[in-house]
Protein backbone atom coordinates (compact mmCIF):
# COMPACT_ATOMS: atom_id res chain seq x y z
CA MET A 1 -9.15 13.31 8.49
CA SER A 2 -5.84 13.73 10.25
CA TRP A 3 -2.30 12.66 9.49
CA GLY A 4 -1.54 8.73 8.90
CA ASP A 5 -5.35 7.96 8.03
CA VAL A 6 -4.78 5.16 5.34
CA TRP A 7 -7.10 4.66 2.91
CA VAL A 8 -6.80 1.52 0.58
CA ASN A 9 -8.57 0.43 -2.74
CA GLY A 10 -8.69 -3.18 -4.87
CA ASP A 11 -9.70 -1.62 -8.07
CA LYS A 12 -7.42 -2.43 -11.56
CA VAL A 13 -6.39 1.30 -12.14
CA ARG A 14 -5.67 3.52 -9.18
CA PRO A 15 -8.77 6.04 -8.32
CA GLY A 16 -7.87 9.75 -7.81
CA ILE A 17 -7.93 11.95 -4.70
CA ASP A 18 -9.34 15.48 -4.97
CA ALA A 19 -9.26 18.31 -2.62
CA ALA A 20 -12.29 16.61 -0.45
CA GLY A 21 -9.53 13.54 0.07
CA PRO A 22 -10.24 10.16 -0.46
CA ARG A 23 -13.88 9.03 -1.23
CA ALA A 24 -15.69 5.97 -2.89
CA PRO A 25 -14.07 3.50 -4.16
CA TRP A 26 -11.43 4.42 -1.45
CA ILE A 27 -12.17 2.71 1.61
CA ALA A 28 -11.50 4.08 5.09
CA ALA A 29 -8.63 1.38 6.14
CA GLY A 30 -6.84 2.49 9.74
CA VAL A 31 -3.93 4.30 10.67
CA ILE A 32 -0.10 4.36 10.58
CA SER A 33 1.43 5.78 13.81
CA SER A 34 3.66 8.99 13.51
CA GLU A 35 6.54 7.42 14.61
CA GLU A 36 6.56 5.38 11.50
CA ARG A 37 10.29 6.87 10.28
CA ALA A 38 10.44 5.01 7.46
CA PHE A 39 7.03 6.26 6.23
CA VAL A 40 8.18 9.77 7.27
CA GLU A 41 11.52 10.01 5.98
CA ALA A 42 10.35 8.68 2.52
CA THR A 43 7.94 11.22 2.29
CA GLN A 44 10.30 13.74 3.08
CA LEU A 45 12.47 12.26 -0.04
CA LEU A 46 8.66 13.24 -1.90
CA ARG A 47 9.16 16.30 -1.08
CA ARG A 48 12.62 16.69 -2.47
CA THR A 49 12.03 14.99 -5.58
CA ARG A 50 15.60 15.61 -7.27
CA GLY A 51 17.96 12.64 -6.37
CA ALA A 52 17.92 9.51 -4.76
CA HIS A 53 14.28 7.94 -3.65
CA ALA A 54 13.29 5.40 -1.50
CA ARG A 55 12.70 2.00 -3.42
CA ALA A 56 10.99 0.76 -1.12
CA VAL A 57 8.37 1.61 2.43
CA GLU A 58 7.74 -0.07 5.22
CA PHE A 59 5.44 0.44 7.84
CA ASP A 60 2.77 -0.95 10.08
CA LEU A 61 -0.75 -0.06 9.54
CA GLN A 62 -3.03 -0.35 12.19
CA LEU A 63 -6.25 -1.68 10.85
CA THR A 64 -9.32 -0.31 12.35
CA SER A 65 -11.92 -1.17 9.66
CA SER A 66 -13.52 -4.67 8.87
CA ALA A 67 -14.35 -3.92 5.51
CA VAL A 68 -10.02 -4.74 5.15
CA SER A 69 -8.24 -7.80 6.00
CA ARG A 70 -4.46 -9.18 5.77
CA GLU A 71 -5.92 -12.10 3.31
CA ARG A 72 -8.63 -11.84 0.82
CA PRO A 73 -11.69 -14.11 2.85
CA GLY A 74 -13.94 -16.32 0.62
CA THR A 75 -16.81 -15.45 -1.15
CA GLY A 76 -19.64 -13.66 0.93
CA LYS A 77 -18.64 -10.36 2.78
CA ALA A 78 -17.58 -7.14 0.63
CA VAL A 79 -13.96 -7.40 2.08
CA VAL A 80 -10.69 -6.46 0.34
CA GLY A 81 -7.74 -7.83 1.34
CA PHE A 82 -4.27 -7.08 1.07
CA GLU A 83 -3.02 -10.97 -0.64
CA PRO A 84 -2.38 -12.27 -2.72
CA ASP A 85 -2.62 -8.90 -5.22
CA GLY A 86 -2.12 -6.12 -2.74
CA LEU A 87 -3.86 -2.87 -2.49
CA TRP A 88 -3.99 0.52 -3.45
CA LEU A 89 -2.90 2.44 -0.67
CA ALA A 90 -2.98 6.45 0.19
CA VAL A 91 -1.87 8.39 3.18
CA ASP A 92 -3.30 11.66 4.78
CA VAL A 93 0.17 13.40 5.33
CA THR A 94 -1.27 17.02 5.90
CA PRO A 95 0.70 18.77 8.75
CA ALA A 96 -1.22 18.54 12.09
CA GLY A 97 -3.31 22.11 12.74
CA SER A 98 -3.23 22.69 9.22
CA PRO A 99 -6.82 23.96 7.93
CA GLU A 100 -8.36 21.89 5.00
CA GLU A 101 -7.13 23.90 2.03
CA ASP A 102 -3.79 22.97 2.62
CA ALA A 103 -4.60 18.59 2.72
CA ARG A 104 -1.99 17.08 1.56
CA TYR A 105 -2.55 13.15 0.45
CA VAL A 106 0.15 10.48 -1.12
CA VAL A 107 -0.49 7.34 -2.79
CA PHE A 108 1.89 4.17 -3.66
CA ALA A 109 2.94 4.05 -7.07
CA GLN A 110 2.55 0.29 -7.25
CA ARG A 111 0.27 -1.91 -4.77
CA VAL A 112 1.35 -2.45 -0.77
CA HIS A 113 2.02 -6.08 -0.05
CA VAL A 114 2.47 -7.55 3.43
CA VAL A 115 5.53 -7.94 4.74
CA ALA A 116 6.56 -11.92 5.53
CA GLY A 117 5.87 -12.19 9.48
CA ALA A 118 2.77 -10.03 9.98
CA ARG A 119 1.91 -9.55 13.48
CA ARG A 120 -1.54 -8.98 14.67
CA ALA A 121 -2.46 -6.53 17.78
CA ALA A 122 -2.29 -7.94 21.43
CA GLY A 123 -5.64 -8.14 22.60
CA GLY A 124 -7.21 -8.66 19.27
CA GLY A 125 -8.97 -5.62 18.30
CA THR A 126 -10.04 -3.43 21.43
CA LYS A 127 -13.13 -1.57 20.75
CA GLY A 128 -11.88 2.14 19.28
CA GLY A 129 -8.52 0.13 19.17
CA PRO A 130 -6.95 -1.36 16.09
CA ARG A 131 -8.33 -4.38 15.03
CA ALA A 132 -4.94 -5.88 13.87
CA THR A 133 -1.96 -4.58 13.13
CA ILE A 134 0.07 -5.48 9.86
CA ARG A 135 3.46 -4.87 8.23
CA LEU A 136 3.51 -3.50 4.82
CA ARG A 137 5.88 -2.88 1.81
CA GLY A 138 5.36 -0.49 -1.03
CA ARG A 139 8.02 -1.05 -3.77
CA ALA A 140 9.26 1.69 -6.91
CA ARG A 141 9.84 0.59 -10.36
CA SER A 142 14.16 1.17 -10.49
CA ARG A 143 14.62 4.75 -10.90
CA GLU A 144 11.08 6.19 -9.47
CA SER A 145 9.86 6.81 -5.60
CA ALA A 146 7.40 4.52 -3.98
CA LEU A 147 5.53 6.89 -3.02
CA GLU A 148 3.92 10.23 -4.92
CA TRP A 149 1.50 12.88 -4.81
CA GLY A 150 -2.31 11.76 -4.62
CA TYR A 151 -3.46 15.34 -3.80
CA ARG A 152 -1.13 18.61 -2.90
CA ALA A 153 -3.24 21.80 -1.99
CA ALA A 154 -1.92 24.33 -4.40
CA ARG A 155 0.25 27.02 -3.01
CA ASP A 156 0.34 31.12 -4.23
């Protein structure tokens, strides 16, 4: 697990995360790049929990799992999709080079949805690369942050 790894879940109630990180029923979905400025800024605002919060966070998710798609497929395969209901989303924000005991994960306070005009990655999913890139938006209720700590290692 490393910074920017993303997990999703389609359950009605968002499952928790512990020191071991997201585990089933969370599904490893892909990654966001470290260049995703809006997500990084929202994470920094989360650290300072007073004052203004980022009420909407938009970022690109590079899907690497065939178990996750933009749209909910028909019957058959066990695949979760962002449309129409959206998915719970968790992101590893552990600083690079940190020991395991300093693990940090953020989760979205509400389900995350696809932004209109999502685009597919060039090449249609090369081996080892993303299968698709979709633009996502997580929102917050009034006076709240779009992101909250799912797990943050305790500091002494």
